[in-house]
C-alpha atoms as a PDB file:
ATOM      1  CA  MET A   1       4.551  22.164  -8.433  1.00  0.00           C
ATOM      2  CA  LEU A   2       2.020  23.511  -9.782  1.00  0.00           C
ATOM      3  CA  LEU A   3      -1.173  22.562  -8.250  1.00  0.00           C
ATOM      4  CA  ARG A   4      -4.364  24.859  -9.711  1.00  0.00           C
ATOM      5  CA  ALA A   5      -8.057  24.110  -9.394  1.00  0.00           C
ATOM      6  CA  GLY A   6      -9.117  22.796 -12.926  1.00  0.00           C
ATOM      7  CA  SER A   7      -6.223  22.991 -14.695  1.00  0.00           C
ATOM      8  CA  CYS A   8      -4.063  19.639 -16.797  1.00  0.00           C
ATOM      9  CA  THR A   9      -1.307  20.595 -13.776  1.00  0.00           C
ATOM     10  CA  TYR A  10      -3.406  19.523 -11.215  1.00  0.00           C
ATOM     11  CA  GLY A  11      -5.194  16.934 -12.429  1.00  0.00           C
ATOM     12  CA  THR A  12      -2.327  15.308 -13.523  1.00  0.00           C
ATOM     13  CA  TYR A  13      -0.783  15.546 -10.897  1.00  0.00           C
ATOM     14  CA  MET A  14      -3.848  14.385  -8.572  1.00  0.00           C
ATOM     15  CA  ALA A  15      -3.206  10.760 -11.284  1.00  0.00           C
ATOM     16  CA  ASN A  16      -0.403   9.987 -10.123  1.00  0.00           C
ATOM     17  CA  ASN A  17      -0.124  10.430  -6.778  1.00  0.00           C
ATOM     18  CA  ASP A  18      -3.334   7.961  -6.618  1.00  0.00           C
ATOM     19  CA  HIS A  19      -0.953   5.766  -9.187  1.00  0.00           C
ATOM     20  CA  ASN A  20       1.989   6.348  -6.427  1.00  0.00           C
ATOM     21  CA  LYS A  21      -0.107   5.538  -3.573  1.00  0.00           C
ATOM     22  CA  ALA A  22      -1.812   2.378  -5.458  1.00  0.00           C
ATOM     23  CA  ALA A  23       2.105   1.175  -5.856  1.00  0.00           C
ATOM     24  CA  GLU A  24       3.167   2.192  -2.124  1.00  0.00           C
ATOM     25  CA  LEU A  25      -0.001  -0.515  -1.314  1.00  0.00           C
ATOM     26  CA  HIS A  26       1.199  -3.309  -4.334  1.00  0.00           C
ATOM     27  CA  GLU A  27       5.229  -2.982  -2.055  1.00  0.00           C
ATOM     28  CA  ASN A  28       3.562  -3.280   0.858  1.00  0.00           C
ATOM     29  CA  ALA A  29       1.329  -6.572   0.582  1.00  0.00           C
ATOM     30  CA  ALA A  30       5.182  -7.828  -1.379  1.00  0.00           C
ATOM     31  CA  LYS A  31       6.638  -6.568   2.141  1.00  0.00           C
ATOM     32  CA  SER A  32       3.986  -9.235   4.035  1.00  0.00           C
ATOM     33  CA  HIS A  33       4.633 -11.880   1.474  1.00  0.00           C
ATOM     34  CA  ARG A  34       7.857 -12.234   1.773  1.00  0.00           C
ATOM     35  CA  ALA A  35       8.128 -11.499   5.661  1.00  0.00           C
ATOM     36  CA  ALA A  36       5.204 -14.694   5.670  1.00  0.00           C
ATOM     37  CA  ALA A  37       7.261 -17.120   3.838  1.00  0.00           C
ATOM     38  CA  GLU A  38      10.195 -15.995   5.567  1.00  0.00           C
ATOM     39  CA  GLN A  39       8.266 -17.486   8.921  1.00  0.00           C
ATOM     40  CA  HIS A  40       6.483 -20.304   7.400  1.00  0.00           C
ATOM     41  CA  SER A  41      10.045 -21.740   6.424  1.00  0.00           C
ATOM     42  CA  LYS A  42      11.295 -20.865   9.624  1.00  0.00           C
ATOM     43  CA  GLY A  43       9.107 -23.563  10.651  1.00  0.00           C
ATOM     44  CA  ASP A  44       6.839 -20.671  12.839  1.00  0.00           C
ATOM     45  CA  HIS A  45       3.209 -21.161  10.979  1.00  0.00           C
ATOM     46  CA  ALA A  46       1.948 -18.453  13.579  1.00  0.00           C
ATOM     47  CA  LYS A  47       3.682 -16.026  12.755  1.00  0.00           C
ATOM     48  CA  GLY A  48       3.655 -16.615   9.014  1.00  0.00           C
ATOM     49  CA  MET A  49      -0.237 -16.481   9.283  1.00  0.00           C
ATOM     50  CA  GLU A  50       0.006 -12.723  10.737  1.00  0.00           C
ATOM     51  CA  HIS A  51       1.677 -12.283   7.683  1.00  0.00           C
ATOM     52  CA  SER A  52      -0.141 -13.469   4.598  1.00  0.00           C
ATOM     53  CA  LYS A  53      -3.255 -12.010   6.666  1.00  0.00           C
ATOM     54  CA  SER A  54      -1.611  -8.833   6.094  1.00  0.00           C
ATOM     55  CA  ALA A  55      -0.327  -9.673   3.519  1.00  0.00           C
ATOM     56  CA  GLN A  56      -3.766 -10.073   2.197  1.00  0.00           C
ATOM     57  CA  GLN A  57      -5.414  -6.777   3.551  1.00  0.00           C
ATOM     58  CA  HIS A  58      -2.658  -4.676   1.824  1.00  0.00           C
ATOM     59  CA  SER A  59      -3.070  -6.588  -1.831  1.00  0.00           C
ATOM     60  CA  GLN A  60      -7.216  -5.677  -0.885  1.00  0.00           C
ATOM     61  CA  SER A  61      -6.430  -1.529  -0.072  1.00  0.00           C
ATOM     62  CA  ALA A  62      -4.420  -1.966  -3.206  1.00  0.00           C
ATOM     63  CA  ASN A  63      -6.470  -3.623  -6.284  1.00  0.00           C
ATOM     64  CA  LYS A  64      -9.084  -0.955  -4.454  1.00  0.00           C
ATOM     65  CA  GLN A  65      -6.508   1.651  -4.526  1.00  0.00           C
ATOM     66  CA  SER A  66      -5.405   0.720  -8.578  1.00  0.00           C
ATOM     67  CA  ASP A  67      -9.204   0.685  -9.392  1.00  0.00           C
ATOM     68  CA  GLN A  68      -9.733   4.459  -7.673  1.00  0.00           C
ATOM     69  CA  ALA A  69      -6.745   5.537  -9.646  1.00  0.00           C
ATOM     70  CA  HIS A  70      -7.754   4.177 -13.170  1.00  0.00           C
ATOM     71  CA  ALA A  71     -11.238   5.396 -13.203  1.00  0.00           C
ATOM     72  CA  LYS A  72      -9.760   8.783 -12.071  1.00  0.00           C
ATOM     73  CA  SER A  73      -7.271   8.803 -15.459  1.00  0.00           C
ATOM     74  CA  GLN A  74      -9.836   7.398 -17.252  1.00  0.00           C
ATOM     75  CA  GLN A  75     -12.138  10.401 -16.514  1.00  0.00           C
ATOM     76  CA  GLN A  76      -9.125  12.795 -17.323  1.00  0.00           C
ATOM     77  CA  LYS A  77      -9.071  11.441 -20.973  1.00  0.00           C
END
């Protein structure tokens, strides 16, 4: 893997890394949403709310990371 500062390879790697982090955060949000739905369906609304709050936090982090990744991608064009 080439990671030379100022090279196109480095810039592409960093952009992909940012997008991968955003995707990971989106996946975490989805997992928390599924866990919340499962707990709510079982009638455990307190646990469901905990998972819902976690999902919201992951979603907000994912949105922020996506915006940053997009901005970096636009700068590299």
